[in-house]
């Protein structure tokens, strides 16, 4: 899991692009079998689904980053507090 996280942190744009393309392909495949829409409408819906998924993932990454930084700041503050003489 740590290797995956480090790869994603090093290749952020590639990860997001891959996620987006996978979401478009998945949505196109799903709508092809479920709804009798024209191909242009399928593509529009697939793009919207992929954008929503990408925004959700980016929001989750931002929240994770925020709490990770907050944890680092708390750890640094506790180290300073512990090193002060009583």
N, C-alpha and C. Protein backbone atom coordinates (compact mmCIF):
# COMPACT_ATOMS: atom_id res chain seq x y z
N UNK A 1 0.82 -1.19 0.00
CA UNK A 1 0.00 0.00 0.00
C UNK A 1 0.87 1.25 0.00
N UNK A 2 1.97 1.21 0.74
CA UNK A 2 2.87 2.37 0.80
C UNK A 2 3.50 2.63 -0.56
N UNK A 3 3.84 1.57 -1.29
CA UNK A 3 4.43 1.74 -2.61
C UNK A 3 3.44 2.41 -3.57
N UNK A 4 2.17 2.00 -3.48
CA UNK A 4 1.13 2.60 -4.32
C UNK A 4 0.96 4.08 -3.98
N UNK A 5 0.94 4.41 -2.70
CA UNK A 5 0.78 5.80 -2.28
C UNK A 5 1.95 6.65 -2.74
N UNK A 6 3.15 6.13 -2.66
CA UNK A 6 4.31 6.91 -3.10
C UNK A 6 4.30 7.09 -4.62
N UNK A 7 3.87 6.06 -5.36
CA UNK A 7 3.79 6.21 -6.81
C UNK A 7 2.76 7.26 -7.19
N UNK A 8 1.60 7.24 -6.54
CA UNK A 8 0.55 8.21 -6.83
C UNK A 8 1.01 9.61 -6.48
N UNK A 9 1.71 9.77 -5.36
CA UNK A 9 2.18 11.10 -4.99
C UNK A 9 3.23 11.62 -5.96
N UNK A 10 4.00 10.74 -6.58
CA UNK A 10 5.00 11.15 -7.56
C UNK A 10 4.39 11.40 -8.93
N UNK A 11 3.29 10.73 -9.28
CA UNK A 11 2.67 10.83 -10.60
C UNK A 11 1.21 11.27 -10.47
N UNK A 12 1.00 12.44 -9.93
CA UNK A 12 -0.37 12.90 -9.65
C UNK A 12 -1.19 13.07 -10.93
N UNK A 13 -0.64 13.73 -11.92
CA UNK A 13 -1.41 13.98 -13.15
C UNK A 13 -1.69 12.69 -13.91
N UNK A 14 -0.75 11.79 -13.93
CA UNK A 14 -0.97 10.50 -14.58
C UNK A 14 -2.07 9.72 -13.87
N UNK A 15 -2.06 9.77 -12.55
CA UNK A 15 -3.09 9.07 -11.77
C UNK A 15 -4.47 9.63 -12.04
N UNK A 16 -4.58 10.94 -12.05
CA UNK A 16 -5.87 11.59 -12.30
C UNK A 16 -6.34 11.33 -13.72
N UNK A 17 -5.43 11.40 -14.68
CA UNK A 17 -5.79 11.13 -16.07
C UNK A 17 -6.24 9.70 -16.30
N UNK A 18 -5.56 8.78 -15.65
CA UNK A 18 -5.94 7.38 -15.76
C UNK A 18 -7.30 7.12 -15.13
N UNK A 19 -7.52 7.72 -13.97
CA UNK A 19 -8.82 7.59 -13.31
C UNK A 19 -9.93 8.15 -14.19
N UNK A 20 -9.68 9.32 -14.80
CA UNK A 20 -10.69 9.96 -15.64
C UNK A 20 -11.00 9.09 -16.86
N UNK A 21 -9.96 8.61 -17.52
CA UNK A 21 -10.16 7.78 -18.72
C UNK A 21 -10.88 6.48 -18.38
N UNK A 22 -10.53 5.89 -17.25
CA UNK A 22 -11.20 4.66 -16.82
C UNK A 22 -12.67 4.91 -16.52
N UNK A 23 -12.96 6.05 -15.89
CA UNK A 23 -14.35 6.40 -15.58
C UNK A 23 -15.16 6.64 -16.86
N UNK A 24 -14.57 7.29 -17.84
CA UNK A 24 -15.27 7.51 -19.12
C UNK A 24 -15.56 6.17 -19.79
N UNK A 25 -14.55 5.30 -19.84
CA UNK A 25 -14.74 3.99 -20.47
C UNK A 25 -15.79 3.17 -19.73
N UNK A 26 -15.73 3.17 -18.42
CA UNK A 26 -16.71 2.42 -17.64
C UNK A 26 -18.12 2.95 -17.81
N UNK A 27 -18.26 4.26 -17.82
CA UNK A 27 -19.58 4.85 -18.00
C UNK A 27 -20.12 4.58 -19.40
N UNK A 28 -19.27 4.66 -20.40
CA UNK A 28 -19.70 4.35 -21.77
C UNK A 28 -20.15 2.90 -21.88
N UNK A 29 -19.39 2.00 -21.28
CA UNK A 29 -19.76 0.58 -21.33
C UNK A 29 -21.08 0.34 -20.60
N UNK A 30 -21.26 0.99 -19.46
CA UNK A 30 -22.49 0.79 -18.70
C UNK A 30 -23.70 1.35 -19.45
N UNK A 31 -23.58 2.56 -19.98
CA UNK A 31 -24.73 3.16 -20.66
C UNK A 31 -25.03 2.48 -21.98
N UNK A 32 -24.04 1.87 -22.58
CA UNK A 32 -24.28 1.16 -23.85
C UNK A 32 -25.22 -0.02 -23.64
N UNK A 33 -25.09 -0.69 -22.51
CA UNK A 33 -25.92 -1.87 -22.27
C UNK A 33 -27.25 -1.53 -21.61
N UNK A 34 -27.35 -0.38 -20.96
CA UNK A 34 -28.53 -0.07 -20.16
C UNK A 34 -29.52 0.88 -20.82
N UNK A 35 -29.06 1.84 -21.57
CA UNK A 35 -29.96 2.87 -22.10
C UNK A 35 -29.85 2.99 -23.61
N UNK A 36 -30.96 3.26 -24.26
CA UNK A 36 -30.94 3.43 -25.72
C UNK A 36 -30.68 4.89 -26.11
N UNK A 37 -29.53 5.42 -25.75
CA UNK A 37 -29.20 6.81 -26.07
C UNK A 37 -28.34 6.86 -27.34
N UNK A 38 -28.35 8.05 -27.95
CA UNK A 38 -27.46 8.27 -29.09
C UNK A 38 -26.02 8.31 -28.57
N UNK A 39 -25.06 7.97 -29.42
CA UNK A 39 -23.66 7.96 -28.97
C UNK A 39 -23.18 9.32 -28.44
N UNK A 40 -23.67 10.41 -29.02
CA UNK A 40 -23.23 11.72 -28.54
C UNK A 40 -23.72 11.97 -27.11
N UNK A 41 -24.95 11.54 -26.81
CA UNK A 41 -25.45 11.70 -25.45
C UNK A 41 -24.74 10.78 -24.47
N UNK A 42 -24.39 9.58 -24.92
CA UNK A 42 -23.63 8.67 -24.07
C UNK A 42 -22.28 9.27 -23.70
N UNK A 43 -21.64 9.90 -24.68
CA UNK A 43 -20.34 10.51 -24.44
C UNK A 43 -20.45 11.68 -23.47
N UNK A 44 -21.49 12.48 -23.60
CA UNK A 44 -21.70 13.60 -22.69
C UNK A 44 -21.92 13.09 -21.27
N UNK A 45 -22.75 12.08 -21.13
CA UNK A 45 -23.01 11.52 -19.80
C UNK A 45 -21.75 10.89 -19.21
N UNK A 46 -20.99 10.20 -20.04
CA UNK A 46 -19.76 9.57 -19.57
C UNK A 46 -18.78 10.63 -19.09
N UNK A 47 -18.67 11.73 -19.81
CA UNK A 47 -17.78 12.81 -19.40
C UNK A 47 -18.21 13.42 -18.07
N UNK A 48 -19.52 13.60 -17.91
CA UNK A 48 -20.03 14.16 -16.66
C UNK A 48 -19.77 13.21 -15.49
N UNK A 49 -19.98 11.91 -15.70
CA UNK A 49 -19.71 10.94 -14.64
C UNK A 49 -18.22 10.94 -14.27
N UNK A 50 -17.37 11.00 -15.28
CA UNK A 50 -15.93 11.00 -15.03
C UNK A 50 -15.50 12.27 -14.29
N UNK A 51 -16.09 13.39 -14.64
CA UNK A 51 -15.75 14.63 -13.94
C UNK A 51 -16.20 14.58 -12.49
N UNK A 52 -17.37 14.04 -12.25
CA UNK A 52 -17.86 13.94 -10.87
C UNK A 52 -16.96 13.02 -10.05
N UNK A 53 -16.55 11.90 -10.62
CA UNK A 53 -15.66 10.98 -9.92
C UNK A 53 -14.30 11.64 -9.66
N UNK A 54 -13.78 12.35 -10.64
CA UNK A 54 -12.50 13.04 -10.48
C UNK A 54 -12.58 14.09 -9.39
N UNK A 55 -13.66 14.86 -9.36
CA UNK A 55 -13.83 15.86 -8.30
C UNK A 55 -13.92 15.20 -6.93
N UNK A 56 -14.60 14.09 -6.86
CA UNK A 56 -14.72 13.38 -5.58
C UNK A 56 -13.34 12.88 -5.11
N UNK A 57 -12.57 12.34 -6.03
CA UNK A 57 -11.23 11.85 -5.67
C UNK A 57 -10.31 13.00 -5.29
N UNK A 58 -10.36 14.10 -6.02
CA UNK A 58 -9.54 15.26 -5.68
C UNK A 58 -9.94 15.84 -4.33
N UNK A 59 -11.23 15.88 -4.05
CA UNK A 59 -11.69 16.37 -2.74
C UNK A 59 -11.19 15.46 -1.62
N UNK A 60 -11.29 14.17 -1.84
CA UNK A 60 -10.78 13.22 -0.86
C UNK A 60 -9.28 13.36 -0.64
N UNK A 61 -8.54 13.58 -1.72
CA UNK A 61 -7.09 13.76 -1.60
C UNK A 61 -6.76 15.05 -0.85
N UNK A 62 -7.53 16.10 -1.10
CA UNK A 62 -7.30 17.36 -0.39
C UNK A 62 -7.58 17.20 1.10
N UNK A 63 -8.65 16.50 1.44
CA UNK A 63 -8.98 16.27 2.86
C UNK A 63 -7.89 15.42 3.51
N UNK A 64 -7.46 14.39 2.83
CA UNK A 64 -6.39 13.53 3.35
C UNK A 64 -5.11 14.34 3.58
N UNK A 65 -4.76 15.18 2.61
CA UNK A 65 -3.56 16.01 2.71
C UNK A 65 -3.68 16.98 3.89
N UNK A 66 -4.85 17.56 4.07
CA UNK A 66 -5.08 18.50 5.17
C UNK A 66 -4.87 17.81 6.51
N UNK A 67 -5.48 16.65 6.71
CA UNK A 67 -5.34 15.95 7.98
C UNK A 67 -3.94 15.40 8.18
N UNK A 68 -3.27 15.04 7.10
CA UNK A 68 -1.89 14.58 7.20
C UNK A 68 -0.99 15.72 7.68
N UNK A 69 -1.16 16.90 7.09
CA UNK A 69 -0.38 18.07 7.51
C UNK A 69 -0.71 18.46 8.93
N UNK A 70 -1.98 18.38 9.31
CA UNK A 70 -2.39 18.72 10.66
C UNK A 70 -1.74 17.76 11.66
N UNK A 71 -1.66 16.50 11.32
CA UNK A 71 -1.01 15.52 12.18
C UNK A 71 0.48 15.80 12.33
N UNK A 72 1.13 16.21 11.24
CA UNK A 72 2.56 16.55 11.30
C UNK A 72 2.77 17.77 12.19
N UNK A 73 1.89 18.77 12.07
CA UNK A 73 2.01 19.97 12.89
C UNK A 73 1.79 19.64 14.36
N UNK A 74 0.83 18.77 14.66
CA UNK A 74 0.58 18.36 16.05
C UNK A 74 1.78 17.60 16.61
N UNK A 75 2.39 16.75 15.79
CA UNK A 75 3.55 15.99 16.24
C UNK A 75 4.73 16.93 16.50
N UNK A 76 4.92 17.92 15.64
CA UNK A 76 6.00 18.88 15.84
C UNK A 76 5.75 19.72 17.09
N UNK A 77 4.53 20.11 17.33
CA UNK A 77 4.19 20.91 18.51
C UNK A 77 4.40 20.10 19.78
N UNK A 78 4.06 18.83 19.76
CA UNK A 78 4.25 18.00 20.96
C UNK A 78 5.74 17.76 21.22
N UNK A 79 6.56 17.67 20.17
CA UNK A 79 7.99 17.52 20.36
C UNK A 79 8.58 18.76 21.02
N UNK A 80 8.12 19.94 20.59
CA UNK A 80 8.60 21.19 21.17
C UNK A 80 8.17 21.27 22.63
N UNK A 81 6.94 20.91 22.91
CA UNK A 81 6.41 20.95 24.27
C UNK A 81 7.16 19.97 25.17
N UNK A 82 7.47 18.80 24.66
CA UNK A 82 8.18 17.79 25.45
C UNK A 82 9.64 18.18 25.70
N UNK A 83 10.23 18.97 24.81
CA UNK A 83 11.63 19.33 24.97
C UNK A 83 11.82 20.54 25.88
N UNK A 84 10.75 21.25 26.23
CA UNK A 84 10.85 22.39 27.14
C UNK A 84 11.07 21.90 28.57
N UNK A 85 11.93 22.62 29.31
CA UNK A 85 12.13 22.21 30.71
C UNK A 85 10.91 22.55 31.55
N UNK A 86 10.62 21.74 32.54
CA UNK A 86 9.46 21.97 33.42
C UNK A 86 9.77 22.93 34.50
